[in-house]
Each structure stands twice: as structure tokens, then as C-alpha cells.
């Protein structure tokens, strides 16, 4: 069983069909143009012959004498032989043929078609298969005495082309050669552009590509040299929350963050770039596509690492809790050693005073926090951070003006995230600041519309040139200083604030001052009847 013809043969066949169709139209147009020229030129010639015969005095006298009309054939035949027309016919006023090359026409009514000769006006047109000129013969009294008809046979549709076979064959041959040559070149070019693949193979590749791209659990985005999206699968569209008509749009036209835009366009290089988008933590890898040393575009793959990041945050929270417990255990051990030493020295009064001092200090911090922060999760976080700060040699303060009531579950979770990240960042800055008295100061305020968290440290502050970049996903001040590591703490803080319609700001005042605002909607209070 023979297979379908190749793509090159199909293209050649269709091109030949088009060439011959165009050639037929050209030949037909040429024939019609030739016939029009024939009608124009021969019509003027026939009209001239008929007018000359109609104006001959001898013919007019013979036509006017019903008895002596024997000379009419002489005038008609003489005009026909001299002019080269096919026939010259003379009729009476009633269209009765008086002289004609065809004896069968004599004494019959000559068909005039749409002629106006009977109304006294000359006429040129086609009657049957001949082109004729009709000229009326008007007597001295102004009456119609006869009609002179000069005619020639109209050539057939392709007769004019057949009369010049050499030119016609040359035209057809040249057009055929040019058409075949052009078709072969076109087929060769298309074959080269399709890498030698046949249509069914291209169709199979497209079907496999669609099945592959839309079946994998990773997002794929293809970009051209101008950073236009040429392909995006369903998973990438979901992860990046792209519109349905994003294919063909440039990256700059999309409603995305500057961080994501820089990764997609390649302005930010590297592997496993972290980007936050619509509450998801995405890992992006961009690979340029090159061929023959020329960059054709790039392919960006996306992986959703939200769950992994959440687990890591939970692990970090557990690690912080462990560090806090370890710090408390370390502090407790040191105090026990101190008490044991005092007992061995027999300083019992000092033991009692020392124990009272320890208890009073801890109770004062608990009471200080509990009196101002009534949300259990936030208060527990501050108490735990105090032990961690003490182990690092940093003092943790809560301002006297701080005030926070009980928060709903979601607001409480966001506050723990924001406050925990800000305090951890401030502890790192204060510990490395080299100040005589390292401290971190926390101020929490609440009004009817939002909760404001301000964290100030005694560190060196943040350089102005990177002040706007510390909230960038994957950027940390430690990375800027030591060239390594990735941070999501401040980026997650900003995301939590923006998710609620708030903001986070950074300024320097002796040290870094970070202020986060988290709006909320307070539930209406019940009014007792």
C-alpha cells in the first residue's frame, strides 16, 4: 500500500495547479483582449467599406431603379475583393437580399439583429458568427432605398492564439518553466525549514508536545528574543496567575512583581531563583535556547515549593523553640551552679536574696508583657525571644506604650510571622553591631483599623543603597555582606502585610527601624438590650 506523497511533492503539485490556473486566466484574458481589438479594428474597416459602397453613385442609381439592378453584384464584389472582407451584401428597404456571395440568401430577408440601419443610422456589431457593418442608403427624397452590409467572420475563442502558435507555445513554455522552478525552490525551502519532517510527523510532534507540557506538574514558560510569551502550560498559568490571553504578550505588559519580571527576562541570573507569587513560594530556573550561536529565546521552568517552605518555616520555628529551651536550660544551669556555690560557702542569706532576684526579674518581664499584650501567641513569642536574646547578650525591650488586644486566629498568625521575623533580623543586627549595650526594642500599637509593629535595634543600620532591596525575595543583608545565603524572612513579612493591604517600611535611627502595618476589620461589639 503506497503512502501519502511527501510534503515537497504536495507543494509542487499545488504550485503547478496554481501556475496552470494562472496561465489559463492569462491566456483567456489575452484571447478576450484580442477579440476586443479585432472588433474595434475590423469594425472600423467594415464600416468604411460599407460607407464607400453606399456612397457610390452608380450603385445608388441601380438600387433606386427596381427594373435595372444587374450592376449591384459588380459593385459588391468589387468592394469585397478590394477590401478583403468576407462578404458585401446589398438589400432593399425591406431587407430583401439583392446581391450576396451566397446564392441561397438571394431574395430572402436578411437578419439584422440589433441594427439601427432601418432607422437611418449606421451600425457595427455582431450578427450570428460574423462582425458586420450596416450602412443605410438614403434616396434623394430622404427615404430608405436599401442597406449595404459588409461583414467578416469572427474568429473562435482560441483561434487568434492558434494563428500565432510559436508565440503561444513560447509563452506557455516560459510560464511553465518559471512555475516549476519556483515550485521546486519553494518546496526545497519549506522542506529545509521543517527540518525534513512530513506534515503527519509535525502533527505528531505538536500533539506529543501538548500532551507533555500540559501533563507535567511543573510550570513551563517559553519566551522569544523580545521577551514575548510564546508558550505557557496550564500549571505555569495557575502558579503565576496569568490571564488566558497571555500568549503573545511581553513580560513587561504582565501584572507581575519586579522580582518575577527580572527572573523571567534573565536580568537576574542564577539557578533555583526564589519568587513569591500569589501566596506561593516558587523556584524558577531560566535556560537560554540557542542554535548555531544565535539566541532564539529562553525556557523558564517553575516548581511550587510552598509546602516545602512551610515545612522549613515550621522546622525553623521548632529550631528556635529548641534554641530558646536550650538557652533557658543553660541559664537555669548557671543559676543552679551559682546557688550550689553559695550553699557550699554557707551564704544562706545570699542564696535567698539571689533566688528572690531571679524570680522577681522573670515575673516582672512576664507581667510587663502580659499587661500590654493580651494575645496569647504574641505574648508567648515575646517571652521566648527574651530568653534567646539574653543568651546572645542582647536586651529585649517592650515599650511602655505598647498595647495589643486579643486577635483573631488569622491576624494572630500573621502577627507571629511578622514579629518573629523582625525580631530575629534585629537580634542578628544587634549582636553584630558592636554596641556597648546591644538591645532590640519592640513597640506594638493597635487602633480600630490596624496593628502596627515597630522593631528597633542597636545595630549599624542598613546602607541606603540596599534599603529598598532588603525586602526582595531571596535577599538578605548577610547575603549582601558575605555573598552567600538566601533569606525569605523579610520577604514573607512584606507579603503578609501586603496580603492584608498593609505595608512594611525601613529607616535608620541609630540602628535599623522596621515598621510593619497589618490592617484588619474589627468585629462589631454586641450591644446589650
Protein backbone atom coordinates (compact mmCIF):
# COMPACT_ATOMS: atom_id res chain seq x y z
CA UNK A 1 0.00 0.00 0.00
CA UNK A 2 1.50 3.31 -1.10
CA UNK A 3 1.75 6.09 1.46
CA UNK A 4 0.82 9.71 1.06
CA UNK A 5 3.15 11.85 -1.09
CA UNK A 6 5.82 13.85 0.67
CA UNK A 7 5.38 17.47 1.65
CA UNK A 8 7.66 18.61 -1.18
CA UNK A 9 5.58 16.71 -3.77
CA UNK A 10 2.34 18.05 -2.37
CA UNK A 11 3.66 21.59 -2.52
CA UNK A 12 4.96 21.03 -6.07
CA UNK A 13 1.60 19.64 -7.17
CA UNK A 14 -0.38 22.51 -5.71
CA UNK A 15 2.04 25.06 -7.13
CA UNK A 16 1.70 23.53 -10.59
CA UNK A 17 -2.08 23.66 -10.29
CA UNK A 18 -1.84 27.33 -9.37
CA UNK A 19 0.62 28.04 -12.22
CA UNK A 20 -1.60 26.40 -14.83
CA UNK A 21 -4.68 28.10 -13.45
CA UNK A 22 -2.98 31.48 -13.65
CA UNK A 23 -1.66 30.64 -17.11
CA UNK A 24 -5.16 29.73 -18.26
CA UNK A 25 -6.51 33.01 -16.93
CA UNK A 26 -3.74 34.91 -18.70
CA UNK A 27 -4.41 33.10 -22.00
CA UNK A 28 -8.15 33.66 -21.65
CA UNK A 29 -7.63 37.32 -20.92
CA UNK A 30 -5.32 37.60 -23.93
CA UNK A 31 -7.94 35.98 -26.18
CA UNK A 32 -10.66 38.30 -24.92
CA UNK A 33 -8.37 41.28 -25.40
CA UNK A 34 -7.56 40.07 -28.91
CA UNK A 35 -11.24 39.74 -29.76
CA UNK A 36 -11.92 43.21 -28.44
CA UNK A 37 -9.10 44.61 -30.57
CA UNK A 38 -10.42 42.64 -33.56
CA UNK A 39 -13.91 44.08 -33.11
CA UNK A 40 -12.56 47.60 -32.85
CA UNK A 41 -10.15 47.47 -35.80
CA UNK A 42 -12.23 45.30 -38.14
CA UNK A 43 -15.41 47.18 -37.22
CA UNK A 44 -13.94 50.49 -38.45
CA UNK A 45 -12.71 48.76 -41.61
CA UNK A 46 -16.09 47.19 -42.32
CA UNK A 47 -17.88 50.46 -41.71
CA UNK A 48 -15.54 52.23 -44.13
CA UNK A 49 -16.18 49.60 -46.84
CA UNK A 50 -19.94 49.73 -46.38
CA UNK A 51 -20.00 53.56 -46.43
CA UNK A 52 -17.87 53.64 -49.59
CA UNK A 53 -20.22 51.23 -51.39
CA UNK A 54 -23.30 53.10 -50.14
CA UNK A 55 -21.85 56.37 -51.43
CA UNK A 56 -21.08 55.06 -54.96
CA UNK A 57 -23.36 56.96 -57.42
CA UNK A 58 -23.76 54.02 -59.80
CA UNK A 59 -24.82 51.71 -57.02
CA UNK A 60 -27.30 54.26 -55.73
CA UNK A 61 -28.87 54.65 -59.20
CA UNK A 62 -29.11 50.89 -59.67
CA UNK A 63 -30.63 50.44 -56.24
CA UNK A 64 -33.20 53.17 -56.89
CA UNK A 65 -34.29 51.51 -60.22
CA UNK A 66 -36.26 48.36 -59.39
CA UNK A 67 -36.01 47.18 -63.01
CA UNK A 68 -32.29 47.64 -63.70
CA UNK A 69 -30.36 46.15 -60.70
CA UNK A 70 -27.99 43.89 -62.58
CA UNK A 71 -24.97 46.09 -61.76
CA UNK A 72 -25.34 45.68 -58.00
CA UNK A 73 -23.33 42.42 -57.78
CA UNK A 74 -20.48 44.14 -59.60
CA UNK A 75 -20.25 46.93 -57.03
CA UNK A 76 -20.50 44.47 -54.08
CA UNK A 77 -17.93 42.01 -55.42
CA UNK A 78 -15.51 44.76 -56.38
CA UNK A 79 -15.64 46.23 -52.86
CA UNK A 80 -15.23 42.78 -51.27
CA UNK A 81 -12.20 41.85 -53.36
CA UNK A 82 -10.51 45.20 -52.85
CA UNK A 83 -11.08 45.36 -49.06
CA UNK A 84 -10.55 41.70 -48.20
CA UNK A 85 -13.75 41.36 -46.18
CA UNK A 86 -15.68 38.10 -46.26
CA UNK A 87 -18.87 39.40 -47.82
CA UNK A 88 -20.65 42.55 -49.01
CA UNK A 89 -24.46 42.31 -49.19
CA UNK A 90 -26.91 44.85 -50.58
CA UNK A 91 -30.57 44.66 -49.57
CA UNK A 92 -33.67 46.58 -50.45
CA UNK A 93 -35.56 48.76 -47.99
CA UNK A 94 -37.49 45.69 -46.86
CA UNK A 95 -34.26 43.77 -46.04
CA UNK A 96 -34.65 41.56 -49.13
CA UNK A 97 -31.20 40.41 -50.22
CA UNK A 98 -30.43 41.74 -53.75
CA UNK A 99 -26.82 40.65 -54.01
CA UNK A 100 -24.77 38.17 -51.87
CA UNK A 101 -21.83 35.77 -52.28
CA UNK A 102 -24.21 33.03 -51.08
CA UNK A 103 -26.87 32.34 -53.73
CA UNK A 104 -29.17 30.79 -51.11
CA UNK A 105 -29.53 34.22 -49.47
CA UNK A 106 -30.90 35.94 -52.59
CA UNK A 107 -34.47 37.19 -52.30
CA UNK A 108 -34.60 36.29 -48.59
CA UNK A 109 -34.96 38.64 -45.62
CA UNK A 110 -31.57 39.40 -44.15
CA UNK A 111 -31.46 39.18 -40.30
CA UNK A 112 -30.10 42.46 -38.95
CA UNK A 113 -30.06 41.68 -35.23
CA UNK A 114 -29.95 44.89 -33.16
CA UNK A 115 -29.03 47.04 -36.18
CA UNK A 116 -30.26 50.63 -36.44
CA UNK A 117 -29.81 50.81 -40.21
CA UNK A 118 -33.56 50.65 -40.84
CA UNK A 119 -33.91 53.81 -38.78
CA UNK A 120 -31.37 55.57 -40.94
CA UNK A 121 -28.25 55.21 -38.73
CA UNK A 122 -25.08 53.23 -39.44
CA UNK A 123 -24.35 50.35 -37.07
CA UNK A 124 -21.45 47.98 -36.29
CA UNK A 125 -21.96 44.78 -34.30
CA UNK A 126 -22.05 41.03 -34.24
CA UNK A 127 -24.79 39.12 -36.02
CA UNK A 128 -24.50 35.37 -35.68
CA UNK A 129 -20.88 34.34 -36.10
CA UNK A 130 -19.81 37.39 -38.11
CA UNK A 131 -18.92 41.00 -37.43
CA UNK A 132 -20.96 43.30 -39.64
CA UNK A 133 -21.28 46.97 -40.52
CA UNK A 134 -24.71 48.18 -41.69
CA UNK A 135 -24.99 51.46 -43.62
CA UNK A 136 -28.40 52.75 -44.84
CA UNK A 137 -28.74 54.09 -48.38
CA UNK A 138 -30.91 57.22 -48.37
CA UNK A 139 -32.56 58.40 -51.60
CA UNK A 140 -32.87 61.97 -52.81
CA UNK A 141 -36.27 62.18 -51.24
CA UNK A 142 -34.87 61.17 -47.84
CA UNK A 143 -36.46 57.72 -47.92
CA UNK A 144 -34.60 54.50 -47.21
CA UNK A 145 -33.78 52.77 -50.52
CA UNK A 146 -31.57 49.97 -49.28
CA UNK A 147 -28.90 48.74 -46.84
CA UNK A 148 -25.26 47.89 -47.53
CA UNK A 149 -23.82 45.16 -45.26
CA UNK A 150 -20.09 44.47 -45.05
CA UNK A 151 -19.04 41.58 -42.82
CA UNK A 152 -16.29 39.20 -41.84
CA UNK A 153 -16.31 36.03 -39.80
CA UNK A 154 -15.45 36.40 -36.11
CA UNK A 155 -12.53 34.16 -35.09
CA UNK A 156 -13.15 31.45 -32.47
CA UNK A 157 -12.20 31.75 -28.83
CA UNK A 158 -8.68 30.32 -29.25
CA UNK A 159 -8.35 30.86 -32.99
CA UNK A 160 -6.33 34.02 -32.52
CA UNK A 161 -3.87 32.12 -30.33
CA UNK A 162 -3.78 29.27 -32.87
CA UNK A 163 -2.95 31.75 -35.61
CA UNK A 164 0.31 32.52 -33.73
CA UNK A 165 1.34 29.09 -32.36
CA UNK A 166 5.01 29.99 -31.88
CA UNK A 167 4.27 32.92 -29.59
CA UNK A 168 1.61 31.00 -27.70
CA UNK A 169 3.83 27.96 -27.13
CA UNK A 170 6.73 30.20 -26.08
CA UNK A 171 4.50 31.96 -23.55
CA UNK A 172 3.22 28.67 -22.15
CA UNK A 173 6.73 27.19 -22.06
CA UNK A 174 8.26 30.17 -20.25
CA UNK A 175 5.42 30.30 -17.73
CA UNK A 176 5.66 26.54 -17.12
CA UNK A 177 9.43 26.61 -16.61
CA UNK A 178 9.21 29.57 -14.24
CA UNK A 179 6.34 27.97 -12.35
CA UNK A 180 8.08 24.61 -11.97
CA UNK A 181 11.38 26.23 -10.96
CA UNK A 182 9.63 28.43 -8.39
CA UNK A 183 7.67 25.48 -7.07
CA UNK A 184 10.81 23.38 -6.66
CA UNK A 185 12.62 26.19 -4.86
CA UNK A 186 9.62 26.75 -2.59
CA UNK A 187 9.30 23.04 -1.83
CA UNK A 188 13.02 22.84 -1.05
CA UNK A 189 12.86 25.88 1.23
CA UNK A 190 9.82 24.56 3.11
CA UNK A 191 11.50 21.17 3.44
CA UNK A 192 14.56 22.82 4.94
CA UNK A 193 12.50 24.97 7.32
CA UNK A 194 10.54 21.94 8.57
CA UNK A 195 13.82 20.03 9.14
CA UNK A 196 12.75 17.38 6.66
CA UNK A 197 9.64 16.46 8.64
CA UNK A 198 6.43 15.49 6.92
CA UNK A 199 3.05 17.02 7.94
CA UNK A 200 1.95 13.90 9.82
CA UNK A 201 5.26 13.91 11.72
CA UNK A 202 4.87 17.61 12.57
CA UNK A 203 1.30 16.94 13.72
CA UNK A 204 2.53 14.09 15.90
CA UNK A 205 5.23 16.27 17.44
CA UNK A 206 2.70 19.01 18.23
CA UNK A 207 0.32 16.51 19.83
CA UNK A 208 3.13 14.97 21.90
CA UNK A 209 4.36 18.41 22.91
CA UNK A 210 0.90 19.49 24.05
CA UNK A 211 0.43 16.25 25.99
CA UNK A 212 3.86 16.60 27.58
CA UNK A 213 3.59 20.29 28.51
CA UNK A 214 0.10 20.09 29.92
CA UNK A 215 0.66 16.74 31.65
CA UNK A 216 3.68 17.56 33.79
CA UNK A 217 3.37 19.04 37.28
CA UNK A 218 5.99 21.70 36.64
CA UNK A 219 5.25 25.03 35.03
CA UNK A 220 6.87 25.84 31.69
CA UNK A 221 7.05 29.28 30.07
CA UNK A 222 8.75 29.85 26.70
CA UNK A 223 9.95 33.32 25.70
CA UNK A 224 11.35 34.70 22.44
CA UNK A 225 14.16 37.21 21.96
CA UNK A 226 11.83 40.15 22.71
CA UNK A 227 10.66 38.51 25.97
CA UNK A 228 7.25 37.72 24.47
CA UNK A 229 5.47 34.65 25.83
CA UNK A 230 5.27 32.07 23.05
CA UNK A 231 4.12 29.12 25.13
CA UNK A 232 2.79 28.52 28.64
CA UNK A 233 1.30 25.36 30.07
CA UNK A 234 -1.66 25.12 32.41
CA UNK A 235 0.42 24.62 35.57
CA UNK A 236 2.54 27.71 34.88
CA UNK A 237 -0.60 29.74 34.15
CA UNK A 238 -2.01 28.68 37.52
CA UNK A 239 1.19 29.25 39.51
CA UNK A 240 1.81 32.70 38.02
CA UNK A 241 -1.93 33.63 37.85
CA UNK A 242 -1.54 34.66 34.22
CA UNK A 243 -4.54 35.65 32.07
CA UNK A 244 -5.81 33.31 29.36
CA UNK A 245 -4.62 35.65 26.58
CA UNK A 246 -1.06 35.99 27.90
CA UNK A 247 0.49 34.21 24.89
CA UNK A 248 1.95 36.90 22.65
CA UNK A 249 2.24 39.48 25.43
CA UNK A 250 5.61 40.72 26.62
CA UNK A 251 6.79 40.19 30.18
CA UNK A 252 6.68 43.95 30.81
CA UNK A 253 2.96 44.00 29.92
CA UNK A 254 2.05 41.46 32.60
CA UNK A 255 0.83 42.46 36.05
CA UNK A 256 3.68 40.83 37.96
CA UNK A 257 6.27 41.91 40.51
CA UNK A 258 9.61 43.37 39.51
CA UNK A 259 11.39 40.37 41.03
CA UNK A 260 9.47 37.92 38.84
CA UNK A 261 9.95 40.16 35.80
CA UNK A 262 13.71 40.23 36.33
CA UNK A 263 13.94 36.44 36.62
CA UNK A 264 11.80 35.83 33.51
CA UNK A 265 13.78 38.27 31.38
CA UNK A 266 17.15 37.00 32.63
CA UNK A 267 18.21 40.27 34.22
CA UNK A 268 18.60 38.26 37.44
CA UNK A 269 20.73 35.21 36.74
CA UNK A 270 21.37 32.07 38.71
CA UNK A 271 19.69 28.75 39.42
CA UNK A 272 16.75 27.97 41.71
CA UNK A 273 15.70 31.60 42.00
CA UNK A 274 13.03 32.09 44.68
CA UNK A 275 9.98 34.18 43.80
CA UNK A 276 6.82 34.81 45.84
CA UNK A 277 3.64 34.96 43.78
CA UNK A 278 0.03 34.94 44.98
CA UNK A 279 0.96 33.46 48.35
CA UNK A 280 3.10 30.73 46.77
CA UNK A 281 6.85 30.20 47.03
CA UNK A 282 8.11 29.40 43.51
CA UNK A 283 11.53 28.21 42.38
CA UNK A 284 12.43 29.36 38.87
CA UNK A 285 15.17 28.22 36.50
CA UNK A 286 15.80 30.02 33.22
CA UNK A 287 17.63 28.31 30.36
CA UNK A 288 18.52 30.26 27.17
CA UNK A 289 17.74 28.48 23.89
CA UNK A 290 20.50 28.81 21.29
CA UNK A 291 21.05 27.42 17.82
CA UNK A 292 24.05 27.96 15.57
CA UNK A 293 25.39 30.52 18.01
CA UNK A 294 22.19 32.59 17.86
CA UNK A 295 19.92 33.09 20.88
CA UNK A 296 16.34 32.16 19.99
CA UNK A 297 14.77 32.83 23.39
CA UNK A 298 14.55 31.09 26.74
CA UNK A 299 12.59 28.44 28.62
CA UNK A 300 11.66 29.04 32.26
CA UNK A 301 10.60 26.15 34.49
CA UNK A 302 8.66 26.71 37.71
CA UNK A 303 8.28 24.50 40.75
CA UNK A 304 5.90 25.11 43.62
CA UNK A 305 7.83 24.93 46.87
CA UNK A 306 5.15 26.41 49.12
CA UNK A 307 4.67 23.24 51.14
CA UNK A 308 8.42 22.69 51.41
CA UNK A 309 8.92 26.30 52.52
CA UNK A 310 6.10 25.94 55.04
CA UNK A 311 7.74 22.82 56.45
CA UNK A 312 11.06 24.63 56.58
CA UNK A 313 9.48 27.54 58.42
CA UNK A 314 7.91 25.11 60.86
CA UNK A 315 11.28 23.42 61.28
CA UNK A 316 12.93 26.79 61.86
CA UNK A 317 10.22 27.62 64.40
CA UNK A 318 10.89 24.32 66.14
CA UNK A 319 14.61 25.05 66.00
CA UNK A 320 14.04 28.47 67.52
CA UNK A 321 11.93 26.87 70.24
CA UNK A 322 14.71 24.36 70.86
CA UNK A 323 17.27 27.15 71.00
CA UNK A 324 15.04 29.01 73.41
CA UNK A 325 14.67 25.95 75.64
CA UNK A 326 18.39 25.34 75.39
CA UNK A 327 19.05 28.96 76.34
CA UNK A 328 16.65 28.65 79.27
CA UNK A 329 18.27 25.37 80.31
CA UNK A 330 21.70 26.94 80.04
CA UNK A 331 20.53 29.93 82.07
CA UNK A 332 18.87 27.65 84.61
CA UNK A 333 22.04 25.55 84.90
CA UNK A 334 24.18 28.62 85.51
CA UNK A 335 21.81 29.78 88.21
CA UNK A 336 21.80 26.37 89.86
CA UNK A 337 25.59 26.38 89.88
CA UNK A 338 25.53 29.81 91.48
CA UNK A 339 23.07 28.65 94.15
CA UNK A 340 25.09 25.49 94.79
CA UNK A 341 28.27 27.53 95.23
CA UNK A 342 26.61 29.90 97.67
CA UNK A 343 25.28 26.96 99.71
CA UNK A 344 28.71 25.38 99.87
CA UNK A 345 30.06 28.72 101.09
CA UNK A 346 27.33 28.83 103.72
CA UNK A 347 25.94 32.10 102.39
CA UNK A 348 22.32 31.18 103.00
CA UNK A 349 21.07 34.73 103.12
CA UNK A 350 22.71 35.38 99.77
CA UNK A 351 21.02 32.29 98.36
CA UNK A 352 17.61 33.56 99.49
CA UNK A 353 18.25 37.03 98.04
CA UNK A 354 19.54 35.57 94.76
CA UNK A 355 16.50 33.32 94.32
CA UNK A 356 14.17 36.25 95.08
CA UNK A 357 16.00 38.37 92.49
CA UNK A 358 15.71 35.70 89.78
CA UNK A 359 12.03 35.12 90.40
CA UNK A 360 11.26 38.80 90.61
CA UNK A 361 13.10 39.55 87.29
CA UNK A 362 11.26 36.83 85.39
CA UNK A 363 7.91 37.74 86.88
CA UNK A 364 8.46 41.39 86.05
CA UNK A 365 9.08 40.57 82.35
CA UNK A 366 6.05 38.24 82.25
CA UNK A 367 3.86 40.83 83.94
CA UNK A 368 5.23 43.57 81.69
CA UNK A 369 4.41 41.59 78.56
CA UNK A 370 1.12 40.20 79.83
CA UNK A 371 -0.16 43.63 80.89
CA UNK A 372 0.37 45.08 77.40
CA UNK A 373 -0.06 42.10 75.04
CA UNK A 374 -3.27 40.15 75.54
CA UNK A 375 -2.88 37.88 72.53
CA UNK A 376 -1.52 34.60 73.89
CA UNK A 377 0.56 33.63 70.82
CA UNK A 378 2.24 37.03 70.52
CA UNK A 379 2.92 37.23 74.26
CA UNK A 380 4.44 33.72 74.26
CA UNK A 381 6.64 34.68 71.31
CA UNK A 382 7.99 37.75 73.14
CA UNK A 383 8.68 35.77 76.31
CA UNK A 384 10.53 33.09 74.35
CA UNK A 385 12.52 35.66 72.38
CA UNK A 386 13.63 37.31 75.65
CA UNK A 387 15.44 34.12 76.72
CA UNK A 388 17.05 33.79 73.27
CA UNK A 389 18.13 37.43 73.34
CA UNK A 390 19.57 37.06 76.84
CA UNK A 391 21.75 34.12 75.73
CA UNK A 392 23.05 36.20 72.80
CA UNK A 393 23.83 39.10 75.10
CA UNK A 394 21.12 41.32 73.67
CA UNK A 395 18.46 43.03 75.73
CA UNK A 396 14.87 42.71 74.52
CA UNK A 397 12.56 45.61 75.44
CA UNK A 398 8.87 46.23 75.12
CA UNK A 399 7.86 49.89 75.14
CA UNK A 400 5.59 51.20 77.87
CA UNK A 401 3.08 52.46 75.27
CA UNK A 402 2.63 49.05 73.66
CA UNK A 403 -0.92 47.71 73.65
CA UNK A 404 -2.46 44.73 71.83
CA UNK A 405 -5.78 43.08 72.50
CA UNK A 406 -6.89 39.59 71.61
CA UNK A 407 -6.64 38.99 67.86
CA UNK A 408 -8.48 36.55 65.63
CA UNK A 409 -6.70 33.40 64.55
CA UNK A 410 -5.50 34.68 61.14
CA UNK A 411 -4.33 38.04 62.47
CA UNK A 412 -2.56 36.33 65.35
CA UNK A 413 -0.76 34.00 62.91
CA UNK A 414 0.31 36.93 60.72
CA UNK A 415 1.50 38.88 63.77
CA UNK A 416 3.61 35.93 64.94
CA UNK A 417 5.15 35.65 61.46
CA UNK A 418 5.85 39.36 61.14
CA UNK A 419 7.06 39.93 64.71
CA UNK A 420 9.18 36.74 64.77
CA UNK A 421 10.97 37.63 61.51
CA UNK A 422 11.53 41.25 62.52
CA UNK A 423 12.89 40.32 65.96
CA UNK A 424 15.18 37.61 64.54
CA UNK A 425 16.53 40.07 61.97
CA UNK A 426 17.03 42.70 64.69
CA UNK A 427 18.82 40.23 67.02
CA UNK A 428 21.30 39.38 64.24
CA UNK A 429 21.91 43.08 63.57
CA UNK A 430 22.27 44.00 67.27
CA UNK A 431 24.62 41.10 68.01
CA UNK A 432 26.94 42.06 65.13
CA UNK A 433 26.67 45.81 65.72
CA UNK A 434 29.40 46.04 68.35
CA UNK A 435 27.43 48.46 70.53
CA UNK A 436 28.30 48.75 74.23
CA UNK A 437 24.72 47.87 75.12
CA UNK A 438 23.09 45.73 72.45
CA UNK A 439 19.32 45.88 72.53
CA UNK A 440 16.17 45.26 70.49
CA UNK A 441 13.12 47.39 71.19
CA UNK A 442 9.61 46.27 70.25
CA UNK A 443 6.62 48.57 70.05
CA UNK A 444 3.13 47.20 69.28
CA UNK A 445 0.16 49.53 68.78
CA UNK A 446 -3.43 48.81 67.88
CA UNK A 447 -6.25 51.06 66.73
CA UNK A 448 -9.65 50.46 65.16
CA UNK A 449 -8.19 49.70 61.74
CA UNK A 450 -4.72 48.18 62.02
CA UNK A 451 -1.96 46.77 64.20
CA UNK A 452 1.40 48.49 63.94
CA UNK A 453 4.62 46.64 64.88
CA UNK A 454 7.86 48.61 65.18
CA UNK A 455 11.17 46.87 65.88
CA UNK A 456 14.32 48.91 66.52
CA UNK A 457 17.82 47.56 67.08
CA UNK A 458 21.20 48.93 68.16
CA UNK A 459 22.97 47.57 65.09
CA UNK A 460 24.80 49.54 62.38
CA UNK A 461 21.66 50.13 60.33
CA UNK A 462 21.15 49.38 56.65
CA UNK A 463 23.11 51.03 53.85
CA UNK A 464 20.91 53.43 51.84
CA UNK A 465 21.79 51.77 48.54
CA UNK A 466 20.24 48.45 49.66
CA UNK A 467 17.45 49.87 51.84
CA UNK A 468 14.86 49.15 49.15
CA UNK A 469 16.26 45.69 48.38
CA UNK A 470 16.13 44.05 51.80
CA UNK A 471 12.52 43.05 51.15
CA UNK A 472 13.38 41.44 47.81
CA UNK A 473 12.76 37.73 47.70
CA UNK A 474 15.98 35.89 48.34
CA UNK A 475 17.90 38.98 49.53
CA UNK A 476 19.38 39.37 52.99
CA UNK A 477 21.84 41.83 54.46
CA UNK A 478 24.05 38.84 55.29
CA UNK A 479 23.98 37.84 51.64
CA UNK A 480 24.96 41.34 50.65
CA UNK A 481 27.83 41.36 53.11
CA UNK A 482 29.20 37.84 52.70
CA UNK A 483 27.96 36.84 49.29
CA UNK A 484 26.01 33.80 50.34
CA UNK A 485 22.77 32.51 51.71
CA UNK A 486 19.19 33.26 50.89
CA UNK A 487 16.55 34.87 53.07
CA UNK A 488 12.81 34.84 52.97
CA UNK A 489 12.06 36.36 56.39
CA UNK A 490 11.64 39.99 55.37
CA UNK A 491 10.08 38.99 52.04
CA UNK A 492 7.48 36.88 53.85
CA UNK A 493 6.92 39.77 56.25
CA UNK A 494 6.16 42.11 53.38
CA UNK A 495 3.92 39.54 51.75
CA UNK A 496 1.94 39.04 54.96
CA UNK A 497 1.47 42.80 55.28
CA UNK A 498 0.51 43.29 51.63
CA UNK A 499 -1.90 40.40 51.77
CA UNK A 500 -3.85 42.41 54.35
CA UNK A 501 -3.45 45.65 52.42
CA UNK A 502 -0.68 46.90 54.73
CA UNK A 503 2.99 47.72 54.30
CA UNK A 504 6.43 47.42 55.86
CA UNK A 505 8.98 50.23 55.92
CA UNK A 506 12.64 50.59 56.83
CA UNK A 507 14.53 53.59 58.10
CA UNK A 508 17.71 54.27 60.08
CA UNK A 509 17.62 55.92 63.52
CA UNK A 510 20.80 54.97 65.34
CA UNK A 511 20.08 51.48 64.06
CA UNK A 512 17.55 49.90 61.72
CA UNK A 513 13.90 50.64 62.43
CA UNK A 514 11.38 48.34 60.75
CA UNK A 515 7.69 49.26 60.92
CA UNK A 516 5.01 46.82 59.75
CA UNK A 517 1.33 47.72 59.43
CA UNK A 518 -1.35 44.99 59.34
CA UNK A 519 -4.91 46.29 58.71
CA UNK A 520 -7.84 44.29 59.98
CA UNK A 521 -11.61 44.54 60.33
CA UNK A 522 -12.76 44.51 63.92
CA UNK A 523 -15.92 42.55 64.60
CA UNK A 524 -18.79 44.76 65.75
CA UNK A 525 -19.37 44.76 69.50
CA UNK A 526 -22.59 43.33 70.80
CA UNK A 527 -24.91 45.86 72.40
CA UNK A 528 -26.83 44.52 75.37
CA UNK A 529 -30.57 45.23 75.28
